[in-house]
Protein backbone atom coordinates (compact mmCIF):
# COMPACT_ATOMS: atom_id res chain seq x y z
CA MET A 1 75.68 80.27 71.02
CA LYS A 2 74.16 76.82 71.86
CA LYS A 3 70.64 78.12 71.21
CA ARG A 4 71.68 79.25 67.73
CA ILE A 5 73.15 75.90 66.94
CA LEU A 6 70.02 74.13 68.20
CA PHE A 7 67.77 76.32 66.07
CA THR A 8 69.88 75.64 62.99
CA LEU A 9 69.64 71.90 63.56
CA ILE A 10 65.87 71.99 63.99
CA PHE A 11 65.35 74.15 60.92
CA SER A 12 67.51 71.80 58.81
CA LEU A 13 65.50 68.81 60.01
CA LEU A 14 62.18 70.50 59.12
CA LEU A 15 63.48 71.58 55.77
CA SER A 16 64.59 67.94 55.01
CA VAL A 17 61.24 66.59 55.91
CA PHE A 18 59.40 69.24 53.85
CA LEU A 19 61.51 68.44 50.82
CA SER A 20 60.93 64.74 51.20
CA ILE A 21 57.19 65.30 51.29
CA SER A 22 57.27 67.49 48.19
CA ALA A 23 59.31 64.96 46.33
CA LEU A 24 56.86 62.24 47.41
CA ALA A 25 53.83 64.27 46.24
CA ALA A 26 55.43 64.94 42.96
CA GLN A 27 56.32 61.23 42.54
CA HIS A 28 52.73 60.14 43.20
CA GLY A 29 51.16 62.68 40.86
CA THR A 30 47.96 64.76 40.85
CA LEU A 31 44.32 63.42 41.11
CA SER A 32 41.34 64.93 39.33
CA LEU A 33 37.65 64.08 38.97
CA SER A 34 35.06 65.03 36.36
CA ALA A 35 31.32 64.26 35.76
CA SER A 36 29.65 63.37 32.48
CA GLY A 37 27.01 66.06 32.64
CA ALA A 38 23.73 67.22 34.18
CA VAL A 39 21.19 64.57 35.19
CA LYS A 40 17.74 64.23 36.72
CA ALA A 41 16.43 62.25 39.65
CA GLY A 42 16.57 58.56 38.63
CA ASP A 43 19.37 59.07 36.08
CA THR A 44 22.91 57.71 36.19
CA VAL A 45 26.01 59.90 36.09
CA THR A 46 29.53 58.68 35.17
CA LEU A 47 32.57 60.12 36.96
CA SER A 48 36.12 59.84 35.63
CA VAL A 49 39.11 59.57 37.94
CA LYS A 50 42.39 60.83 36.30
CA LEU A 51 45.89 60.50 37.76
CA THR A 52 48.67 62.57 36.02
CA GLY A 53 52.42 62.94 36.69
CA ALA A 54 52.79 59.76 38.71
CA GLU A 55 56.03 57.70 38.39
CA SER A 56 57.14 54.18 39.51
CA ILE A 57 53.64 53.39 40.73
CA ASP A 58 53.00 49.78 41.91
CA GLY A 59 49.46 50.10 43.31
CA ILE A 60 46.45 52.36 43.59
CA ALA A 61 43.27 52.09 45.86
CA VAL A 62 40.36 54.28 44.96
CA THR A 63 37.37 55.02 47.16
CA PRO A 64 34.36 57.13 45.83
CA ILE A 65 33.03 59.74 48.28
CA TYR A 66 29.38 60.84 47.93
CA ASP A 67 26.20 61.62 49.89
CA GLU A 68 24.46 58.25 50.14
CA THR A 69 21.09 59.99 50.76
CA LYS A 70 21.33 61.52 47.34
CA PHE A 71 23.31 58.95 45.31
CA GLU A 72 23.76 55.16 44.96
CA LEU A 73 27.03 53.60 43.69
CA THR A 74 26.08 51.28 40.75
CA GLY A 75 29.47 50.24 39.24
CA GLY A 76 33.09 50.94 38.45
CA SER A 77 35.62 50.01 35.79
CA TRP A 78 39.45 50.42 35.60
CA LYS A 79 40.77 52.06 32.38
CA VAL A 80 44.42 50.89 32.81
CA ASN A 81 45.77 47.38 32.92
CA GLY A 82 47.37 45.74 35.95
CA VAL A 83 48.19 42.31 37.29
CA ILE A 84 45.33 42.81 39.78
CA THR A 85 42.23 44.90 39.02
CA ASP A 86 39.13 44.87 41.17
CA PHE A 87 36.12 47.15 41.93
CA SER A 88 33.37 46.26 44.40
CA VAL A 89 30.00 48.03 44.75
CA ASP A 90 29.53 46.32 48.13
CA THR A 91 32.80 47.59 49.65
CA LYS A 92 32.57 50.77 47.59
CA ASP A 93 36.18 50.80 46.46
CA GLY A 94 38.57 49.48 43.82
CA VAL A 95 42.29 48.43 43.74
CA ILE A 96 44.89 47.85 41.02
CA ALA A 97 48.42 46.53 41.29
CA PHE A 98 51.21 46.63 38.67
CA ALA A 99 53.96 44.10 38.09
CA GLU A 100 56.61 46.81 38.05
CA GLY A 101 56.91 50.47 38.55
CA THR A 102 54.62 52.20 36.06
CA ALA A 103 54.25 55.83 34.96
CA VAL A 104 50.61 57.02 35.01
CA ASN A 105 49.34 59.99 33.21
CA THR A 106 45.68 59.21 32.12
CA THR A 107 42.19 58.33 33.28
CA ILE A 108 42.54 55.36 35.55
CA LEU A 109 39.00 54.59 36.68
CA THR A 110 35.27 55.49 36.09
CA PHE A 111 32.51 54.81 38.49
CA THR A 112 28.72 55.39 38.16
CA LEU A 113 26.27 56.94 40.62
CA LYS A 114 22.54 56.83 40.36
CA VAL A 115 20.60 59.93 41.47
CA LYS A 116 18.01 58.72 43.95
CA SER A 117 14.32 59.46 43.45
CA GLY A 118 13.11 62.63 44.99
CA VAL A 119 16.45 64.43 44.93
CA GLU A 120 15.81 68.17 44.37
CA ALA A 121 17.49 70.10 41.64
CA GLY A 122 20.89 71.52 42.62
CA ALA A 123 24.68 71.03 42.51
CA TYR A 124 26.07 68.29 44.70
CA THR A 125 29.69 67.59 45.55
CA VAL A 126 31.10 64.19 44.75
CA GLY A 127 34.69 63.21 45.34
CA CYS A 128 37.19 60.29 45.53
CA SER A 129 40.21 59.32 47.57
CA ALA A 130 43.17 57.48 46.02
CA GLU A 131 45.97 55.81 48.02
CA VAL A 132 48.94 55.60 45.70
CA SER A 133 52.09 53.57 46.46
CA SER A 134 55.37 53.45 44.62
CA THR A 135 58.13 50.89 44.21
CA ASP A 136 60.18 52.53 46.99
CA LYS A 137 57.29 51.69 49.43
CA ALA A 138 56.32 55.27 49.76
CA LYS A 139 52.56 56.00 49.96
CA SER A 140 50.40 59.07 49.71
CA THR A 141 46.64 59.82 49.74
CA LEU A 142 45.34 62.05 46.97
CA ASN A 143 41.87 63.60 46.94
CA ALA A 144 39.74 65.18 44.26
CA GLU A 145 36.14 66.32 43.90
CA THR A 146 33.65 67.81 41.37
CA GLN A 147 30.06 69.00 41.12
CA VAL A 148 27.21 66.86 39.84
CA LYS A 149 24.37 69.05 38.57
CA VAL A 150 20.95 67.54 39.14
CA SER A 151 18.24 69.20 37.15
CA CYS A 152 14.52 69.05 38.07
CA SER A 153 12.36 66.14 36.67
CA HIS A 154 9.62 68.57 36.16
CA SER A 155 5.93 67.94 37.00
CA PHE A 156 3.87 70.75 35.47
CA THR A 157 0.71 70.20 37.50
CA VAL A 158 0.40 73.42 39.55
CA LYS A 159 -2.08 76.09 38.59
CA ASN A 160 -0.33 79.18 39.76
CA THR A 161 -1.99 82.55 38.81
CA ASP A 162 1.04 84.75 39.63
CA SER A 163 1.80 87.32 36.92
CA LYS A 164 4.97 85.42 35.94
CA TYR A 165 2.80 82.52 34.58
CA LEU A 166 0.35 84.74 32.71
CA LYS A 167 0.12 84.01 29.03
CA SER A 168 -2.81 86.36 28.11
CA ALA A 169 -4.96 88.69 30.20
CA ALA A 170 -8.65 88.31 30.47
CA THR A 171 -10.75 90.03 27.79
CA CYS A 172 -14.52 90.55 27.50
CA SER A 173 -14.65 87.37 25.44
CA SER A 174 -12.23 85.13 27.30
CA ALA A 175 -10.86 84.48 30.83
CA ALA A 176 -7.15 84.95 31.62
CA THR A 177 -4.77 82.25 30.38
CA TYR A 178 -1.82 80.92 32.52
CA TYR A 179 0.97 78.44 32.05
CA TYR A 180 1.10 75.41 34.37
CA SER A 181 4.16 75.41 36.68
CA CYS A 182 6.38 72.69 38.09
CA SER A 183 5.33 71.37 41.46
CA LYS A 184 8.96 70.77 42.46
CA CYS A 185 10.86 73.87 41.26
CA GLY A 186 8.21 76.35 40.07
CA GLU A 187 9.49 76.54 36.48
CA LYS A 188 6.92 77.61 33.85
CA GLY A 189 5.66 74.87 31.51
CA THR A 190 4.17 75.04 28.04
CA THR A 191 0.63 73.82 28.63
CA THR A 192 -2.01 76.31 29.74
CA PHE A 193 -5.18 76.66 31.80
CA LYS A 194 -7.81 79.40 32.15
CA SER A 195 -8.62 81.10 35.38
CA GLY A 196 -11.26 83.62 36.48
CA SER A 197 -13.99 84.86 34.13
CA ALA A 198 -14.32 87.12 31.06
CA LEU A 199 -14.56 90.85 31.58
CA THR A 200 -17.77 92.79 31.12
CA HIS A 201 -18.34 94.36 27.68
CA THR A 202 -17.74 98.08 27.42
CA PHE A 203 -19.73 99.46 24.44
CA ASP A 204 -17.84 102.73 23.81
CA GLN A 205 -16.32 102.17 20.35
CA LYS A 206 -17.66 104.12 17.40
CA ASN A 207 -17.07 101.67 14.61
CA THR A 208 -18.66 102.59 11.26
CA ALA A 209 -18.20 99.23 9.59
CA GLU A 210 -21.25 97.89 7.75
CA LYS A 211 -22.04 95.25 10.41
CA TYR A 212 -22.83 98.07 12.93
CA ILE A 213 -25.25 100.07 10.74
CA HIS A 214 -28.56 100.74 12.45
CA THR A 215 -29.97 102.97 9.70
CA ALA A 216 -28.23 103.51 6.37
CA GLY A 217 -27.34 107.04 5.41
CA THR A 218 -28.33 108.85 2.27
CA CYS A 219 -26.99 111.86 0.46
CA THR A 220 -29.07 114.09 2.81
CA LYS A 221 -29.16 112.09 5.91
CA ALA A 222 -26.27 110.69 8.07
CA ALA A 223 -26.11 107.00 8.86
CA VAL A 224 -26.83 105.72 12.41
CA TYR A 225 -24.58 102.97 13.94
CA TYR A 226 -24.50 100.80 17.07
CA TYR A 227 -21.73 101.32 19.60
CA SER A 228 -19.42 98.35 19.86
CA CYS A 229 -17.09 96.84 22.38
CA LYS A 230 -13.30 96.50 21.85
CA CYS A 231 -13.83 92.79 21.31
CA GLY A 232 -16.16 93.55 18.36
CA SER A 233 -19.46 92.78 20.06
CA LYS A 234 -22.34 95.05 19.03
CA GLY A 235 -24.24 96.99 21.74
CA SER A 236 -27.79 98.38 21.74
CA GLU A 237 -27.01 102.05 22.02
CA THR A 238 -26.46 104.08 18.81
CA PHE A 239 -24.62 107.11 17.50
CA VAL A 240 -24.92 109.27 14.39
CA GLY A 241 -22.24 108.96 11.81
CA ALA A 242 -20.43 111.72 9.86
CA ASP A 243 -22.30 114.40 7.95
CA PRO A 244 -24.01 113.01 4.88
CA ASP A 245 -22.01 113.04 1.72
CA HIS A 246 -22.47 111.78 -1.79
CA ARG A 247 -21.25 108.21 -2.34
CA TYR A 248 -19.30 108.70 -5.51
CA ALA A 249 -18.28 105.68 -7.40
CA GLU A 250 -14.54 104.87 -7.83
CA THR A 251 -14.98 103.99 -11.47
CA TRP A 252 -16.02 106.25 -14.35
CA SER A 253 -19.51 106.41 -15.77
CA THR A 254 -19.49 107.20 -19.55
CA ASP A 255 -21.54 108.13 -22.66
CA LYS A 256 -20.24 108.71 -26.17
CA ASP A 257 -19.04 112.29 -25.33
CA ASN A 258 -18.15 112.45 -21.62
CA HIS A 259 -17.04 110.65 -18.51
CA TRP A 260 -17.82 111.43 -14.80
CA LEU A 261 -18.07 109.97 -11.27
CA GLU A 262 -21.55 109.35 -10.11
CA CYS A 263 -23.11 109.16 -6.68
CA SER A 264 -24.67 105.78 -6.14
CA ALA A 265 -27.43 107.10 -3.97
CA CYS A 266 -28.79 110.06 -5.94
CA GLY A 267 -27.04 110.09 -9.29
CA GLU A 268 -25.16 113.38 -8.65
CA ARG A 269 -22.16 113.82 -10.97
CA LYS A 270 -18.73 115.18 -10.42
CA ASP A 271 -15.57 115.63 -12.46
CA GLN A 272 -17.55 115.44 -15.71
CA ALA A 273 -15.33 116.08 -18.77
CA ALA A 274 -15.13 115.26 -22.46
CA HIS A 275 -13.24 112.21 -23.60
CA VAL A 276 -9.52 112.67 -24.35
CA PRO A 277 -8.98 110.73 -27.59
CA GLY A 278 -5.88 108.51 -27.73
CA PRO A 279 -4.13 107.42 -30.95
CA GLU A 280 -6.18 106.84 -34.01
CA ALA A 281 -7.75 103.37 -34.34
CA THR A 282 -5.78 100.77 -36.31
CA GLU A 283 -6.34 97.21 -37.31
CA ASP A 284 -4.63 96.21 -34.07
CA SER A 285 -6.30 98.50 -31.57
CA ALA A 286 -9.30 100.78 -30.99
CA GLN A 287 -9.13 104.50 -30.25
CA VAL A 288 -9.92 104.99 -26.57
CA CYS A 289 -10.10 107.85 -24.06
CA THR A 290 -6.88 108.25 -22.21
CA ALA A 291 -8.74 109.31 -19.03
CA CYS A 292 -11.45 106.68 -18.62
CA GLY A 293 -10.71 104.06 -21.24
CA TYR A 294 -14.01 104.52 -23.19
CA GLU A 295 -13.82 103.18 -26.72
CA ILE A 296 -14.21 106.14 -29.02
CA ALA A 297 -13.73 104.20 -32.31
CA PRO A 298 -13.41 100.49 -32.77
CA ALA A 299 -10.39 98.86 -34.36
CA ILE A 300 -10.44 99.08 -38.17
CA ALA A 301 -11.45 95.91 -40.07
CA HIS A 302 -8.71 94.52 -42.20
CA GLN A 303 -8.91 95.54 -45.86
CA HIS A 304 -7.23 93.16 -48.30
CA ASP A 305 -4.84 94.66 -50.82
CA PHE A 306 -4.20 92.19 -53.62
CA THR A 307 -2.35 94.63 -55.96
CA LYS A 308 1.06 94.57 -54.35
CA HIS A 309 1.98 90.95 -55.30
CA TRP A 310 0.66 89.55 -58.59
CA TYR A 311 0.78 85.88 -59.63
CA SER A 312 -0.40 84.65 -63.04
CA ASP A 313 -0.61 81.88 -65.66
CA ASP A 314 -1.45 82.11 -69.31
CA ALA A 315 -5.19 82.54 -68.70
CA THR A 316 -5.66 84.22 -65.29
CA HIS A 317 -4.01 86.30 -62.68
CA TRP A 318 -4.50 86.69 -58.87
CA GLY A 319 -3.12 88.84 -56.06
CA LYS A 320 -1.71 88.07 -52.54
CA CYS A 321 -2.40 90.32 -49.54
CA GLY A 322 0.21 91.07 -46.79
CA CYS A 323 -1.88 88.86 -44.50
CA GLU A 324 -1.13 85.89 -46.95
CA GLU A 325 -4.62 85.59 -48.26
CA GLU A 326 -4.97 85.31 -52.03
CA SER A 327 -7.68 86.64 -54.31
CA GLN A 328 -9.76 84.56 -56.75
CA PRO A 329 -8.16 84.05 -60.16
CA THR A 330 -9.60 86.32 -62.87
CA ALA A 331 -9.02 86.42 -66.70
CA HIS A 332 -6.41 88.73 -68.07
CA THR A 333 -7.52 92.07 -69.55
CA TRP A 334 -5.38 92.51 -72.69
CA ASP A 335 -4.67 95.96 -74.20
CA ASN A 336 -4.76 96.60 -77.98
CA GLY A 337 -1.24 95.30 -78.50
CA LYS A 338 2.00 96.75 -79.78
CA VAL A 339 3.33 95.74 -83.23
CA VAL A 340 6.95 94.60 -82.99
CA SER A 341 7.27 93.26 -86.50
CA GLU A 342 5.25 94.16 -89.68
CA PRO A 343 4.06 91.30 -91.98
CA THR A 344 5.23 91.04 -95.51
CA ALA A 345 3.89 89.11 -98.47
CA LYS A 346 5.77 85.99 -97.29
CA LYS A 347 6.55 86.57 -93.58
CA GLN A 348 4.20 86.82 -90.46
CA GLY A 349 4.12 89.95 -88.35
CA ALA A 350 4.37 89.93 -84.44
CA VAL A 351 2.28 91.84 -81.88
CA VAL A 352 2.84 91.94 -77.98
CA TYR A 353 -0.24 92.26 -75.87
CA THR A 354 -0.01 93.38 -72.11
CA CYS A 355 -2.58 92.66 -69.30
CA THR A 356 -3.72 95.99 -67.89
CA ASP A 357 -4.13 94.47 -64.41
CA CYS A 358 -1.07 92.39 -63.67
CA GLY A 359 1.37 93.42 -66.51
CA ARG A 360 1.76 89.88 -67.97
CA THR A 361 2.54 89.89 -71.74
CA LYS A 362 1.86 87.56 -74.58
CA LEU A 363 3.23 87.38 -78.15
CA GLU A 364 0.94 86.76 -81.17
CA TYR A 365 1.79 86.44 -84.86
CA THR A 366 -0.16 87.97 -87.75
CA ASP A 367 -0.68 86.46 -91.22
CA PRO A 368 1.53 87.57 -94.15
CA ASP A 369 0.03 90.45 -96.11
CA PRO A 370 -0.09 89.78 -99.84
CA SER A 371 -0.41 93.53 -100.46
CA LYS A 372 3.14 93.99 -99.37
CA SER A 373 5.99 92.65 -101.57
CA ASP A 374 9.29 91.26 -100.39
CA ARG A 375 12.45 93.06 -101.74
CA THR A 376 15.25 91.11 -103.61
CA SER A 377 18.92 91.33 -102.90
CA SER A 378 19.68 93.44 -105.94
CA GLU A 379 17.01 95.86 -104.82
CA LYS A 380 18.65 96.11 -101.49
CA ASP A 381 21.98 96.85 -103.39
CA GLY A 382 20.26 99.58 -105.39
CA ASP A 383 19.29 101.17 -102.26
CA GLY A 384 23.02 102.04 -101.68
CA SER A 385 23.94 98.74 -99.97
CA PHE A 386 27.32 97.35 -100.84
CA GLY A 387 26.31 94.07 -102.61
CA ILE A 388 28.30 90.98 -103.39
CA GLY A 389 28.61 91.73 -107.17
CA ALA A 390 30.14 95.14 -106.52
CA LEU A 391 32.64 93.58 -104.07
CA VAL A 392 33.73 91.04 -106.72
CA GLY A 393 34.24 93.84 -109.36
CA VAL A 394 36.34 95.86 -107.06
CA LEU A 395 38.48 92.88 -106.07
CA GLY A 396 39.00 91.95 -109.77
CA GLY A 397 40.05 95.52 -110.73
CA ILE A 398 42.63 95.56 -107.95
CA LEU A 399 44.07 92.30 -109.01
CA VAL A 400 44.42 93.31 -112.79
CA GLY A 401 46.10 96.59 -111.78
CA ALA A 402 48.57 94.70 -109.58
CA VAL A 403 49.56 92.40 -112.43
CA GLY A 404 50.16 95.27 -114.74
CA VAL A 405 52.46 97.01 -112.32
CA TYR A 406 54.41 93.78 -111.78
CA LEU A 407 54.93 93.32 -115.54
CA THR A 408 56.10 96.89 -116.07
CA LEU A 409 58.71 96.53 -113.24
CA VAL A 410 60.12 93.31 -114.80
CA LYS A 411 60.49 94.90 -118.19
CA ARG A 412 62.45 97.86 -116.84
CA LYS A 413 64.77 95.54 -115.00
CA LYS A 414 65.72 93.71 -118.12
């Protein structure tokens, strides 16, 4: 029974201590560290110290932790305000004090490290230790670390002929080409160097380009060519080309009746045929063969037609072609005329004349003809016309008859 009571007391005491430590850690917050980025030997890197979740803090002391064979501390700066702020490169630490309990939840300090010359590329651990005190006199030590990546400050001076550095293999006209590599890390650079010697020519290519002709061929004899190397160099040994064949032109030869393809060496013809006439020639285009383009008939010369549109004055007339050109004025050609009014002894006659070319008309008067007499008014009445004398007689008779009727009616009334 006593052992059980003792165990219970010890467990309670340990639990109390554990809870006190947990509360203290929560009160003093969490520390973290971050680096500004990758650097090379000789460069400076900035590290940021961040404290979050801290409450009632009255002082902080920070000490950077790093490998002094790789890095050199060059400075530090507090990012929060306090009644006392200090950072020393000589003592390699910094302190800050607050006038009253302060909540901290931000970056509190940055410090800089210089990467020493000759440091090889790699990832190096850098840390810091922070002693944090609160207004209740409690203290705790917080630690954080991060990786500083140091890249190589390349020196591409090594001539390495491993296959990984090969840019182009040797040929019969050039030695192999390689990239220089870094003397520190072996990385491949961008500049190149040549190594070894060019390969020996191998003249085994049957190239029938003109530059390799030894003896030109004819229609009855094959051409002879020099063997060549893959690089294009011409050798001294020769080979016979393909069986001889006519060298027909790619364009048509023509005469006035036919077209054909002709061998440039011997004049042999193939595909000879009569021209295939296209549309008839016009003023705008010639008639050509639709197969070879030979001009069968030239374009027709323009023929003026001045008869469609006539213009005239009293003496002349002229025509205008559809192309807008006008003909030279020419005198009218009058017909024999048409009598429109016969002359009398006292009056002129009238005749209309028409130009037989342009259709223009003119009116001319003829002299009176003494042989013809003018008719009087009475003569015209005798011809059955109803004259003025007759009209007066009729009106008089009607008036007399009307008076007689009136008088008769008056008498009867009385």
